[in-house]
Amino acid sequence: MNQAFINAATTIAWDDIDFIDWHGGVKCYGFWALIIDDNEWLEAVNEAASYLSPYVLKGYRRQPHVSLIAGGLMSEQHYSAANINEHKQALIKANISPFIIRLTGLDSFTSAPYLTVEDDKGSLECLRAALLASTSEDNLDNYQAHITLGLYHSEFSTIALSETINAHKAPKVMPLTVSAVKFCSYQTNDIQGRITVLDSIKLKTK
């Protein structure tokens, strides 16, 4: 179980509103991710999300994905076209081969529950290292590959909720081969809205 989650007294309560003070009118937020489109994995994600539906905001529409890094607000002042291209070129230069990821147990941050994702060869960290060579990110030492299942709507006791999470019996799914990294965006005025894939970097077998 995520120790930071256990150490916190309660979860964070989200409101499904437009956080204008955060985005300042910038319409899109960009980030690099793995998009999950395998039917077996999607079924497992939907089952886990249904299990925790009493605790999360209704209307979460983000497609299942594993974030690599958060790029930023898509504007020349924040995460510019030049920044995006620099990251794209860094991924191409890294020349990382397709790799396997595994879906493991249910866990949680204070903000959101998630399904843990693991890869045995450290390819996710290699991808992140390529991207982070030209940018910075908070909590670099605390990265956990995961698939978010929604956002908590109230302040729940983390101790009580951890018992519910630990009681979940996740279905077994086959490992998934990652063959591409996606550049994605979402509309900043909708914290639960769908993702748009803007670009794709294919991983090549060496």
N, C-alpha and C. Protein backbone atom coordinates (compact mmCIF):
# COMPACT_ATOMS: atom_id res chain seq x y z
N MET A 1 0.84 -1.20 0.00
CA MET A 1 0.00 0.00 0.00
C MET A 1 0.87 1.25 0.00
N ASN A 2 0.48 2.25 -0.78
CA ASN A 2 1.21 3.51 -0.84
C ASN A 2 1.35 4.11 0.56
N GLN A 3 2.59 4.23 1.04
CA GLN A 3 2.81 4.68 2.42
C GLN A 3 2.38 6.12 2.64
N ALA A 4 2.58 6.97 1.64
CA ALA A 4 2.14 8.37 1.77
C ALA A 4 0.63 8.46 1.95
N PHE A 5 -0.09 7.56 1.30
CA PHE A 5 -1.55 7.51 1.45
C PHE A 5 -1.92 7.11 2.87
N ILE A 6 -1.28 6.09 3.39
CA ILE A 6 -1.55 5.62 4.75
C ILE A 6 -1.23 6.70 5.77
N ASN A 7 -0.13 7.43 5.54
CA ASN A 7 0.31 8.45 6.49
C ASN A 7 -0.62 9.65 6.54
N ALA A 8 -1.35 9.89 5.45
CA ALA A 8 -2.29 11.01 5.43
C ALA A 8 -3.55 10.63 6.21
N ALA A 9 -4.17 11.60 6.82
CA ALA A 9 -5.39 11.32 7.60
C ALA A 9 -6.58 11.04 6.71
N THR A 10 -6.71 11.83 5.65
CA THR A 10 -7.88 11.70 4.77
C THR A 10 -7.47 11.88 3.32
N THR A 11 -8.36 11.48 2.44
CA THR A 11 -8.18 11.75 1.02
C THR A 11 -8.47 13.22 0.74
N ILE A 12 -8.09 13.66 -0.46
CA ILE A 12 -8.40 15.01 -0.92
C ILE A 12 -9.78 15.01 -1.57
N ALA A 13 -10.60 15.97 -1.23
CA ALA A 13 -11.93 16.08 -1.83
C ALA A 13 -11.87 17.02 -3.03
N TRP A 14 -12.22 16.49 -4.21
CA TRP A 14 -12.21 17.28 -5.44
C TRP A 14 -13.60 17.83 -5.74
N ASP A 15 -13.63 19.01 -6.36
CA ASP A 15 -14.85 19.56 -6.93
C ASP A 15 -14.71 19.52 -8.45
N ASP A 16 -15.75 19.11 -9.14
CA ASP A 16 -15.72 19.03 -10.60
C ASP A 16 -16.04 20.41 -11.16
N ILE A 17 -15.03 21.28 -11.13
CA ILE A 17 -15.20 22.67 -11.55
C ILE A 17 -14.06 23.07 -12.50
N ASP A 18 -14.19 24.25 -13.07
CA ASP A 18 -13.17 24.81 -13.93
C ASP A 18 -12.18 25.59 -13.05
N PHE A 19 -10.93 25.09 -12.93
CA PHE A 19 -9.92 25.74 -12.09
C PHE A 19 -9.22 26.85 -12.88
N ILE A 20 -9.90 27.97 -13.02
CA ILE A 20 -9.41 29.08 -13.83
C ILE A 20 -8.12 29.66 -13.27
N ASP A 21 -8.00 29.73 -11.94
CA ASP A 21 -6.79 30.28 -11.33
C ASP A 21 -5.56 29.46 -11.69
N TRP A 22 -5.76 28.17 -11.96
CA TRP A 22 -4.65 27.30 -12.34
C TRP A 22 -4.27 27.52 -13.81
N HIS A 23 -5.23 27.40 -14.71
CA HIS A 23 -4.87 27.43 -16.13
C HIS A 23 -4.84 28.83 -16.74
N GLY A 24 -5.45 29.81 -16.07
CA GLY A 24 -5.36 31.19 -16.55
C GLY A 24 -5.84 31.41 -17.96
N GLY A 25 -6.76 30.57 -18.43
CA GLY A 25 -7.30 30.74 -19.77
C GLY A 25 -6.62 29.89 -20.83
N VAL A 26 -5.52 29.21 -20.48
CA VAL A 26 -4.87 28.30 -21.44
C VAL A 26 -5.79 27.08 -21.60
N LYS A 27 -6.12 26.74 -22.82
CA LYS A 27 -7.18 25.76 -23.06
C LYS A 27 -6.76 24.30 -22.92
N CYS A 28 -5.49 24.00 -23.18
CA CYS A 28 -5.07 22.59 -23.20
C CYS A 28 -3.84 22.35 -22.33
N TYR A 29 -3.79 21.14 -21.79
CA TYR A 29 -2.65 20.69 -21.01
C TYR A 29 -2.04 19.49 -21.72
N GLY A 30 -0.73 19.50 -21.91
CA GLY A 30 -0.07 18.43 -22.65
C GLY A 30 0.76 17.52 -21.77
N PHE A 31 0.82 16.25 -22.13
CA PHE A 31 1.61 15.29 -21.36
C PHE A 31 1.94 14.07 -22.22
N TRP A 32 2.97 13.32 -21.81
CA TRP A 32 3.40 12.12 -22.51
C TRP A 32 2.92 10.90 -21.74
N ALA A 33 2.41 9.91 -22.47
CA ALA A 33 1.78 8.78 -21.79
C ALA A 33 1.76 7.53 -22.67
N LEU A 34 1.42 6.44 -22.04
CA LEU A 34 1.10 5.19 -22.73
C LEU A 34 -0.42 5.07 -22.69
N ILE A 35 -1.04 4.89 -23.83
CA ILE A 35 -2.49 4.73 -23.89
C ILE A 35 -2.82 3.23 -23.85
N ILE A 36 -3.72 2.86 -22.96
CA ILE A 36 -4.12 1.46 -22.81
C ILE A 36 -5.32 1.19 -23.71
N ASP A 37 -5.14 0.28 -24.67
CA ASP A 37 -6.24 -0.03 -25.58
C ASP A 37 -6.48 -1.54 -25.71
N ASP A 38 -5.88 -2.32 -24.81
CA ASP A 38 -6.08 -3.77 -24.80
C ASP A 38 -7.40 -4.09 -24.09
N ASN A 39 -8.24 -4.90 -24.71
CA ASN A 39 -9.56 -5.18 -24.16
C ASN A 39 -9.52 -5.81 -22.77
N GLU A 40 -8.61 -6.73 -22.56
CA GLU A 40 -8.51 -7.39 -21.26
C GLU A 40 -8.12 -6.40 -20.17
N TRP A 41 -7.19 -5.54 -20.48
CA TRP A 41 -6.79 -4.51 -19.52
C TRP A 41 -7.92 -3.52 -19.28
N LEU A 42 -8.62 -3.14 -20.33
CA LEU A 42 -9.72 -2.20 -20.18
C LEU A 42 -10.82 -2.78 -19.28
N GLU A 43 -11.08 -4.05 -19.42
CA GLU A 43 -12.08 -4.70 -18.57
C GLU A 43 -11.65 -4.67 -17.10
N ALA A 44 -10.37 -4.92 -16.86
CA ALA A 44 -9.85 -4.89 -15.49
C ALA A 44 -9.93 -3.49 -14.90
N VAL A 45 -9.63 -2.48 -15.71
CA VAL A 45 -9.71 -1.08 -15.24
C VAL A 45 -11.17 -0.73 -14.93
N ASN A 46 -12.08 -1.09 -15.81
CA ASN A 46 -13.50 -0.80 -15.59
C ASN A 46 -14.03 -1.49 -14.34
N GLU A 47 -13.57 -2.72 -14.10
CA GLU A 47 -14.01 -3.45 -12.91
C GLU A 47 -13.53 -2.77 -11.64
N ALA A 48 -12.27 -2.35 -11.62
CA ALA A 48 -11.72 -1.68 -10.45
C ALA A 48 -12.38 -0.32 -10.23
N ALA A 49 -12.64 0.42 -11.31
CA ALA A 49 -13.32 1.71 -11.20
C ALA A 49 -14.72 1.54 -10.66
N SER A 50 -15.41 0.50 -11.09
CA SER A 50 -16.76 0.22 -10.59
C SER A 50 -16.73 -0.11 -9.10
N TYR A 51 -15.72 -0.87 -8.70
CA TYR A 51 -15.57 -1.26 -7.30
C TYR A 51 -15.44 -0.02 -6.39
N LEU A 52 -14.73 1.00 -6.86
CA LEU A 52 -14.50 2.19 -6.05
C LEU A 52 -15.41 3.36 -6.43
N SER A 53 -16.43 3.10 -7.23
CA SER A 53 -17.31 4.17 -7.69
C SER A 53 -18.01 4.94 -6.56
N PRO A 54 -18.31 4.34 -5.40
CA PRO A 54 -18.93 5.14 -4.34
C PRO A 54 -18.05 6.26 -3.80
N TYR A 55 -16.75 6.20 -4.09
CA TYR A 55 -15.81 7.15 -3.48
C TYR A 55 -15.33 8.24 -4.44
N VAL A 56 -15.59 8.10 -5.72
CA VAL A 56 -15.04 9.04 -6.70
C VAL A 56 -16.14 9.86 -7.37
N LEU A 57 -15.72 11.00 -7.92
CA LEU A 57 -16.66 11.85 -8.66
C LEU A 57 -17.28 11.08 -9.82
N LYS A 58 -18.53 11.33 -10.08
CA LYS A 58 -19.17 10.74 -11.25
C LYS A 58 -18.69 11.45 -12.51
N GLY A 59 -18.66 10.71 -13.60
CA GLY A 59 -18.35 11.34 -14.88
C GLY A 59 -16.89 11.35 -15.27
N TYR A 60 -16.05 10.48 -14.66
CA TYR A 60 -14.64 10.43 -15.07
C TYR A 60 -14.54 9.79 -16.44
N ARG A 61 -14.03 10.54 -17.44
CA ARG A 61 -14.06 10.08 -18.83
C ARG A 61 -12.67 9.91 -19.44
N ARG A 62 -11.62 10.10 -18.65
CA ARG A 62 -10.27 9.94 -19.18
C ARG A 62 -10.02 8.49 -19.59
N GLN A 63 -9.53 8.28 -20.80
CA GLN A 63 -9.19 6.94 -21.22
C GLN A 63 -8.05 6.39 -20.36
N PRO A 64 -8.07 5.10 -20.06
CA PRO A 64 -6.98 4.52 -19.26
C PRO A 64 -5.62 4.78 -19.91
N HIS A 65 -4.69 5.26 -19.10
CA HIS A 65 -3.37 5.60 -19.61
C HIS A 65 -2.37 5.58 -18.47
N VAL A 66 -1.11 5.49 -18.83
CA VAL A 66 -0.01 5.57 -17.87
C VAL A 66 0.78 6.82 -18.20
N SER A 67 0.72 7.83 -17.36
CA SER A 67 1.47 9.06 -17.60
C SER A 67 2.96 8.84 -17.41
N LEU A 68 3.76 9.44 -18.28
CA LEU A 68 5.22 9.38 -18.15
C LEU A 68 5.73 10.66 -17.50
N ILE A 69 5.42 11.79 -18.09
CA ILE A 69 5.68 13.08 -17.44
C ILE A 69 4.55 14.05 -17.77
N ALA A 70 4.36 15.00 -16.88
CA ALA A 70 3.40 16.07 -17.12
C ALA A 70 4.13 17.19 -17.85
N GLY A 71 3.76 17.45 -19.10
CA GLY A 71 4.43 18.50 -19.85
C GLY A 71 4.09 19.89 -19.32
N GLY A 72 2.80 20.22 -19.37
CA GLY A 72 2.37 21.50 -18.84
C GLY A 72 1.28 22.14 -19.67
N LEU A 73 0.88 23.33 -19.26
CA LEU A 73 -0.10 24.11 -20.01
C LEU A 73 0.47 24.44 -21.39
N MET A 74 -0.30 24.16 -22.42
CA MET A 74 0.21 24.29 -23.78
C MET A 74 0.11 25.74 -24.28
N SER A 75 1.16 26.49 -24.00
CA SER A 75 1.27 27.87 -24.46
C SER A 75 2.76 28.20 -24.58
N GLU A 76 3.08 29.29 -25.26
CA GLU A 76 4.48 29.67 -25.42
C GLU A 76 5.12 30.05 -24.10
N GLN A 77 4.31 30.44 -23.12
CA GLN A 77 4.85 30.82 -21.82
C GLN A 77 5.09 29.62 -20.90
N HIS A 78 4.45 28.51 -21.21
CA HIS A 78 4.55 27.35 -20.33
C HIS A 78 5.18 26.16 -21.06
N TYR A 79 4.39 25.38 -21.76
CA TYR A 79 4.88 24.21 -22.49
C TYR A 79 4.67 24.49 -23.96
N SER A 80 5.73 24.99 -24.59
CA SER A 80 5.63 25.52 -25.95
C SER A 80 5.78 24.43 -27.00
N ALA A 81 5.52 24.80 -28.25
CA ALA A 81 5.71 23.88 -29.37
C ALA A 81 7.17 23.43 -29.45
N ALA A 82 8.09 24.33 -29.13
CA ALA A 82 9.52 23.98 -29.13
C ALA A 82 9.82 22.96 -28.04
N ASN A 83 9.22 23.14 -26.86
CA ASN A 83 9.41 22.18 -25.77
C ASN A 83 8.90 20.79 -26.17
N ILE A 84 7.73 20.78 -26.79
CA ILE A 84 7.11 19.51 -27.21
C ILE A 84 8.01 18.81 -28.22
N ASN A 85 8.51 19.55 -29.21
CA ASN A 85 9.37 18.95 -30.23
C ASN A 85 10.68 18.46 -29.62
N GLU A 86 11.20 19.18 -28.64
CA GLU A 86 12.43 18.75 -27.97
C GLU A 86 12.22 17.41 -27.27
N HIS A 87 11.07 17.26 -26.64
CA HIS A 87 10.75 15.99 -26.00
C HIS A 87 10.57 14.88 -27.03
N LYS A 88 9.93 15.19 -28.13
CA LYS A 88 9.75 14.20 -29.20
C LYS A 88 11.10 13.71 -29.72
N GLN A 89 11.99 14.63 -29.98
CA GLN A 89 13.31 14.25 -30.48
C GLN A 89 14.10 13.45 -29.46
N ALA A 90 13.92 13.77 -28.17
CA ALA A 90 14.61 13.04 -27.11
C ALA A 90 14.14 11.59 -27.06
N LEU A 91 12.85 11.37 -27.27
CA LEU A 91 12.32 10.01 -27.28
C LEU A 91 12.84 9.23 -28.48
N ILE A 92 12.89 9.88 -29.63
CA ILE A 92 13.40 9.21 -30.83
C ILE A 92 14.87 8.85 -30.65
N LYS A 93 15.65 9.78 -30.10
CA LYS A 93 17.09 9.56 -29.90
C LYS A 93 17.34 8.47 -28.87
N ALA A 94 16.47 8.34 -27.89
CA ALA A 94 16.64 7.32 -26.85
C ALA A 94 16.58 5.91 -27.42
N ASN A 95 15.86 5.74 -28.52
CA ASN A 95 15.84 4.47 -29.26
C ASN A 95 15.50 3.28 -28.36
N ILE A 96 14.43 3.42 -27.60
CA ILE A 96 14.00 2.37 -26.67
C ILE A 96 13.12 1.37 -27.41
N SER A 97 13.38 0.10 -27.17
CA SER A 97 12.63 -0.97 -27.84
C SER A 97 11.29 -1.19 -27.15
N PRO A 98 10.35 -1.84 -27.84
CA PRO A 98 9.10 -2.24 -27.19
C PRO A 98 9.38 -3.06 -25.93
N PHE A 99 8.51 -2.92 -24.95
CA PHE A 99 8.73 -3.59 -23.67
C PHE A 99 7.41 -4.04 -23.06
N ILE A 100 7.52 -4.83 -22.03
CA ILE A 100 6.36 -5.43 -21.39
C ILE A 100 6.01 -4.69 -20.09
N ILE A 101 4.72 -4.42 -19.88
CA ILE A 101 4.25 -3.91 -18.60
C ILE A 101 3.23 -4.89 -18.02
N ARG A 102 3.12 -4.87 -16.69
CA ARG A 102 2.19 -5.75 -15.99
C ARG A 102 1.26 -4.93 -15.12
N LEU A 103 0.02 -5.36 -15.05
CA LEU A 103 -0.97 -4.72 -14.20
C LEU A 103 -1.01 -5.47 -12.87
N THR A 104 -0.79 -4.75 -11.77
CA THR A 104 -0.78 -5.41 -10.47
C THR A 104 -1.96 -4.92 -9.63
N GLY A 105 -1.73 -4.63 -8.35
CA GLY A 105 -2.86 -4.40 -7.47
C GLY A 105 -3.42 -2.99 -7.44
N LEU A 106 -4.55 -2.88 -6.77
CA LEU A 106 -5.22 -1.61 -6.52
C LEU A 106 -4.48 -0.87 -5.40
N ASP A 107 -4.32 0.44 -5.57
CA ASP A 107 -3.65 1.26 -4.57
C ASP A 107 -4.23 2.67 -4.65
N SER A 108 -3.62 3.63 -3.97
CA SER A 108 -4.21 4.98 -3.98
C SER A 108 -3.21 6.06 -3.60
N PHE A 109 -3.37 7.21 -4.24
CA PHE A 109 -2.82 8.47 -3.76
C PHE A 109 -3.91 9.12 -2.92
N THR A 110 -3.60 10.19 -2.25
CA THR A 110 -4.63 10.90 -1.48
C THR A 110 -5.65 11.55 -2.42
N SER A 111 -5.26 11.80 -3.66
CA SER A 111 -6.15 12.46 -4.61
C SER A 111 -7.00 11.49 -5.42
N ALA A 112 -6.49 10.27 -5.63
CA ALA A 112 -7.16 9.36 -6.57
C ALA A 112 -6.71 7.91 -6.37
N PRO A 113 -7.63 6.97 -6.53
CA PRO A 113 -7.25 5.55 -6.52
C PRO A 113 -6.68 5.16 -7.88
N TYR A 114 -5.87 4.10 -7.89
CA TYR A 114 -5.26 3.68 -9.15
C TYR A 114 -4.92 2.20 -9.14
N LEU A 115 -4.66 1.67 -10.33
CA LEU A 115 -4.10 0.34 -10.50
C LEU A 115 -2.61 0.50 -10.79
N THR A 116 -1.79 -0.24 -10.08
CA THR A 116 -0.34 -0.15 -10.24
C THR A 116 0.12 -0.83 -11.52
N VAL A 117 1.07 -0.21 -12.19
CA VAL A 117 1.67 -0.76 -13.40
C VAL A 117 3.17 -0.93 -13.15
N GLU A 118 3.71 -2.08 -13.55
CA GLU A 118 5.13 -2.36 -13.35
C GLU A 118 5.76 -2.85 -14.64
N ASP A 119 7.05 -2.54 -14.80
CA ASP A 119 7.82 -3.17 -15.89
C ASP A 119 9.14 -3.65 -15.31
N ASP A 120 9.53 -4.85 -15.67
CA ASP A 120 10.67 -5.51 -15.04
C ASP A 120 12.02 -4.97 -15.50
N LYS A 121 12.09 -4.39 -16.68
CA LYS A 121 13.38 -3.99 -17.26
C LYS A 121 13.69 -2.51 -17.08
N GLY A 122 12.81 -1.76 -16.43
CA GLY A 122 13.08 -0.35 -16.20
C GLY A 122 12.92 0.54 -17.41
N SER A 123 12.15 0.08 -18.38
CA SER A 123 11.98 0.87 -19.61
C SER A 123 11.19 2.16 -19.37
N LEU A 124 10.24 2.12 -18.43
CA LEU A 124 9.48 3.34 -18.11
C LEU A 124 10.42 4.42 -17.58
N GLU A 125 11.36 4.03 -16.72
CA GLU A 125 12.30 5.01 -16.18
C GLU A 125 13.25 5.51 -17.27
N CYS A 126 13.57 4.66 -18.24
CA CYS A 126 14.41 5.11 -19.35
C CYS A 126 13.68 6.15 -20.19
N LEU A 127 12.40 5.92 -20.43
CA LEU A 127 11.60 6.90 -21.16
C LEU A 127 11.52 8.22 -20.40
N ARG A 128 11.29 8.12 -19.10
CA ARG A 128 11.21 9.33 -18.28
C ARG A 128 12.55 10.07 -18.26
N ALA A 129 13.65 9.33 -18.18
CA ALA A 129 14.96 9.96 -18.15
C ALA A 129 15.22 10.75 -19.44
N ALA A 130 14.79 10.17 -20.57
CA ALA A 130 14.95 10.88 -21.85
C ALA A 130 14.15 12.17 -21.86
N LEU A 131 12.93 12.11 -21.35
CA LEU A 131 12.07 13.29 -21.33
C LEU A 131 12.53 14.33 -20.32
N LEU A 132 13.02 13.85 -19.17
CA LEU A 132 13.39 14.77 -18.08
C LEU A 132 14.76 15.38 -18.26
N ALA A 133 15.49 14.96 -19.30
CA ALA A 133 16.81 15.53 -19.55
C ALA A 133 16.72 17.01 -19.89
N SER A 134 15.55 17.44 -20.38
CA SER A 134 15.40 18.84 -20.80
C SER A 134 14.25 19.54 -20.08
N THR A 135 13.80 18.98 -18.98
CA THR A 135 12.71 19.62 -18.24
C THR A 135 12.81 19.21 -16.79
N SER A 136 11.90 19.68 -15.97
CA SER A 136 11.89 19.32 -14.55
C SER A 136 10.48 18.91 -14.16
N GLU A 137 10.40 18.16 -13.07
CA GLU A 137 9.12 17.68 -12.61
C GLU A 137 9.16 17.54 -11.11
N ASP A 138 8.07 17.84 -10.43
CA ASP A 138 8.02 17.68 -8.98
C ASP A 138 8.02 16.21 -8.60
N ASN A 139 8.48 15.91 -7.40
CA ASN A 139 8.43 14.55 -6.85
C ASN A 139 9.09 13.52 -7.76
N LEU A 140 10.28 13.81 -8.22
CA LEU A 140 10.97 12.92 -9.14
C LEU A 140 11.23 11.55 -8.52
N ASP A 141 11.45 11.52 -7.21
CA ASP A 141 11.78 10.27 -6.54
C ASP A 141 10.54 9.45 -6.20
N ASN A 142 9.37 9.99 -6.46
CA ASN A 142 8.13 9.33 -6.03
C ASN A 142 7.26 8.89 -7.20
N TYR A 143 7.85 8.76 -8.37
CA TYR A 143 7.06 8.34 -9.53
C TYR A 143 6.54 6.92 -9.35
N GLN A 144 5.28 6.73 -9.60
CA GLN A 144 4.66 5.42 -9.58
C GLN A 144 3.83 5.27 -10.84
N ALA A 145 4.23 4.35 -11.70
CA ALA A 145 3.44 4.10 -12.92
C ALA A 145 2.08 3.56 -12.51
N HIS A 146 1.02 4.13 -13.07
CA HIS A 146 -0.32 3.76 -12.62
C HIS A 146 -1.38 4.14 -13.65
N ILE A 147 -2.56 3.59 -13.45
CA ILE A 147 -3.75 3.96 -14.22
C ILE A 147 -4.76 4.54 -13.25
N THR A 148 -5.05 5.82 -13.37
CA THR A 148 -5.99 6.49 -12.48
C THR A 148 -7.41 5.99 -12.71
N LEU A 149 -8.16 5.85 -11.62
CA LEU A 149 -9.52 5.32 -11.69
C LEU A 149 -10.59 6.37 -11.40
N GLY A 150 -10.20 7.59 -11.13
CA GLY A 150 -11.15 8.65 -10.79
C GLY A 150 -10.56 9.58 -9.76
N LEU A 151 -11.34 10.54 -9.31
CA LEU A 151 -10.92 11.53 -8.31
C LEU A 151 -11.87 11.47 -7.12
N TYR A 152 -11.32 11.46 -5.92
CA TYR A 152 -12.16 11.36 -4.72
C TYR A 152 -13.07 12.58 -4.58
N HIS A 153 -14.31 12.35 -4.21
CA HIS A 153 -15.26 13.45 -4.07
C HIS A 153 -15.40 13.95 -2.64
N SER A 154 -14.82 13.23 -1.66
CA SER A 154 -14.95 13.62 -0.26
C SER A 154 -13.67 13.28 0.49
N GLU A 155 -13.58 13.75 1.71
CA GLU A 155 -12.46 13.42 2.57
C GLU A 155 -12.77 12.11 3.31
N PHE A 156 -12.22 11.02 2.81
CA PHE A 156 -12.42 9.72 3.42
C PHE A 156 -11.21 9.37 4.29
N SER A 157 -11.46 8.66 5.36
CA SER A 157 -10.37 8.16 6.19
C SER A 157 -9.49 7.23 5.36
N THR A 158 -8.19 7.51 5.31
CA THR A 158 -7.30 6.66 4.52
C THR A 158 -7.15 5.28 5.15
N ILE A 159 -7.23 5.20 6.46
CA ILE A 159 -7.12 3.90 7.11
C ILE A 159 -8.32 3.02 6.75
N ALA A 160 -9.52 3.59 6.85
CA ALA A 160 -10.72 2.82 6.52
C ALA A 160 -10.74 2.47 5.03
N LEU A 161 -10.37 3.42 4.19
CA LEU A 161 -10.41 3.18 2.75
C LEU A 161 -9.35 2.15 2.34
N SER A 162 -8.22 2.14 3.02
CA SER A 162 -7.18 1.17 2.69
C SER A 162 -7.68 -0.26 2.89
N GLU A 163 -8.57 -0.47 3.85
CA GLU A 163 -9.14 -1.80 4.06
C GLU A 163 -10.00 -2.21 2.87
N THR A 164 -10.76 -1.26 2.34
CA THR A 164 -11.58 -1.53 1.15
C THR A 164 -10.68 -1.83 -0.04
N ILE A 165 -9.63 -1.06 -0.20
CA ILE A 165 -8.71 -1.25 -1.32
C ILE A 165 -8.01 -2.59 -1.23
N ASN A 166 -7.53 -2.94 -0.04
CA ASN A 166 -6.81 -4.20 0.14
C ASN A 166 -7.72 -5.42 -0.04
N ALA A 167 -9.02 -5.22 0.13
CA ALA A 167 -9.96 -6.33 -0.01
C ALA A 167 -10.29 -6.63 -1.47
N HIS A 168 -9.88 -5.74 -2.37
CA HIS A 168 -10.20 -5.93 -3.78
C HIS A 168 -9.39 -7.06 -4.39
N LYS A 169 -10.04 -7.92 -5.10
CA LYS A 169 -9.38 -9.02 -5.79
C LYS A 169 -9.27 -8.67 -7.27
N ALA A 170 -8.12 -8.18 -7.65
CA ALA A 170 -7.94 -7.75 -9.05
C ALA A 170 -7.91 -8.95 -9.99
N PRO A 171 -8.60 -8.86 -11.10
CA PRO A 171 -8.55 -9.96 -12.08
C PRO A 171 -7.16 -10.07 -12.68
N LYS A 172 -6.76 -11.29 -12.99
CA LYS A 172 -5.45 -11.51 -13.60
C LYS A 172 -5.54 -11.21 -15.10
N VAL A 173 -4.59 -10.41 -15.57
CA VAL A 173 -4.55 -10.09 -16.99
C VAL A 173 -3.16 -10.39 -17.53
N MET A 174 -3.09 -10.66 -18.81
CA MET A 174 -1.80 -10.95 -19.45
C MET A 174 -0.96 -9.67 -19.52
N PRO A 175 0.36 -9.80 -19.43
CA PRO A 175 1.23 -8.62 -19.63
C PRO A 175 0.97 -7.98 -20.99
N LEU A 176 1.25 -6.69 -21.07
CA LEU A 176 0.95 -5.92 -22.27
C LEU A 176 2.25 -5.41 -22.89
N THR A 177 2.38 -5.54 -24.21
CA THR A 177 3.55 -5.01 -24.91
C THR A 177 3.31 -3.56 -25.29
N VAL A 178 4.23 -2.69 -24.87
CA VAL A 178 4.17 -1.26 -25.21
C VAL A 178 4.98 -1.05 -26.47
N SER A 179 4.33 -0.53 -27.49
CA SER A 179 5.02 -0.33 -28.78
C SER A 179 5.06 1.13 -29.21
N ALA A 180 4.45 2.04 -28.42
CA ALA A 180 4.44 3.46 -28.80
C ALA A 180 4.24 4.33 -27.57
N VAL A 181 4.77 5.52 -27.63
CA VAL A 181 4.56 6.56 -26.62
C VAL A 181 3.73 7.66 -27.27
N LYS A 182 2.73 8.15 -26.57
CA LYS A 182 1.81 9.13 -27.13
C LYS A 182 1.99 10.51 -26.47
N PHE A 183 1.88 11.54 -27.31
CA PHE A 183 1.75 12.88 -26.76
C PHE A 183 0.27 13.22 -26.75
N CYS A 184 -0.23 13.58 -25.59
CA CYS A 184 -1.68 13.74 -25.38
C CYS A 184 -2.00 15.10 -24.79
N SER A 185 -3.27 15.45 -24.86
CA SER A 185 -3.73 16.67 -24.21
C SER A 185 -5.14 16.47 -23.67
N TYR A 186 -5.51 17.35 -22.75
CA TYR A 186 -6.90 17.40 -22.31
C TYR A 186 -7.30 18.85 -22.11
N GLN A 187 -8.60 19.10 -22.15
CA GLN A 187 -9.11 20.45 -21.98
C GLN A 187 -9.00 20.86 -20.51
N THR A 188 -8.37 21.98 -20.25
CA THR A 188 -8.11 22.38 -18.86
C THR A 188 -9.38 22.74 -18.09
N ASN A 189 -10.46 23.05 -18.78
CA ASN A 189 -11.69 23.42 -18.07
C ASN A 189 -12.51 22.21 -17.64
N ASP A 190 -11.98 21.01 -17.90
CA ASP A 190 -12.70 19.78 -17.55
C ASP A 190 -11.71 18.80 -16.91
N ILE A 191 -11.71 18.72 -15.57
CA ILE A 191 -10.72 17.89 -14.87
C ILE A 191 -10.98 16.41 -15.03
N GLN A 192 -12.11 16.04 -15.63
CA GLN A 192 -12.41 14.63 -15.84
C GLN A 192 -12.62 14.28 -17.31
N GLY A 193 -12.30 15.24 -18.18
CA GLY A 193 -12.61 15.07 -19.60
C GLY A 193 -11.69 14.12 -20.34
N ARG A 194 -12.08 13.80 -21.56
CA ARG A 194 -11.35 12.84 -22.36
C ARG A 194 -10.00 13.37 -22.84
N ILE A 195 -9.14 12.43 -23.17
CA ILE A 195 -7.80 12.71 -23.69
C ILE A 195 -7.84 12.72 -25.21
N THR A 196 -7.07 13.63 -25.79
CA THR A 196 -6.86 13.65 -27.24
C THR A 196 -5.40 13.28 -27.51
N VAL A 197 -5.18 12.29 -28.37
CA VAL A 197 -3.82 11.92 -28.76
C VAL A 197 -3.40 12.81 -29.93
N LEU A 198 -2.30 13.53 -29.75
CA LEU A 198 -1.84 14.49 -30.75
C LEU A 198 -0.65 13.98 -31.57
N ASP A 199 0.11 13.05 -31.01
CA ASP A 199 1.27 12.53 -31.72
C ASP A 199 1.62 11.16 -31.15
N SER A 200 2.38 10.38 -31.91
CA SER A 200 2.75 9.03 -31.48
C SER A 200 4.18 8.75 -31.91
N ILE A 201 4.98 8.26 -30.96
CA ILE A 201 6.35 7.87 -31.24
C ILE A 201 6.44 6.36 -31.15
N LYS A 202 6.69 5.72 -32.26
CA LYS A 202 6.75 4.26 -32.30
C LYS A 202 8.09 3.78 -31.77
N LEU A 203 8.04 2.80 -30.85
CA LEU A 203 9.26 2.19 -30.34
C LEU A 203 9.72 1.14 -31.34
N LYS A 204 11.00 1.15 -31.66
CA LYS A 204 11.52 0.29 -32.71
C LYS A 204 12.38 -0.83 -32.14
N THR A 205 12.17 -2.02 -32.68
CA THR A 205 12.98 -3.16 -32.28
C THR A 205 14.41 -2.96 -32.79
N LYS A 206 15.37 -3.12 -31.89
CA LYS A 206 16.77 -2.89 -32.25
C LYS A 206 17.34 -4.08 -33.03
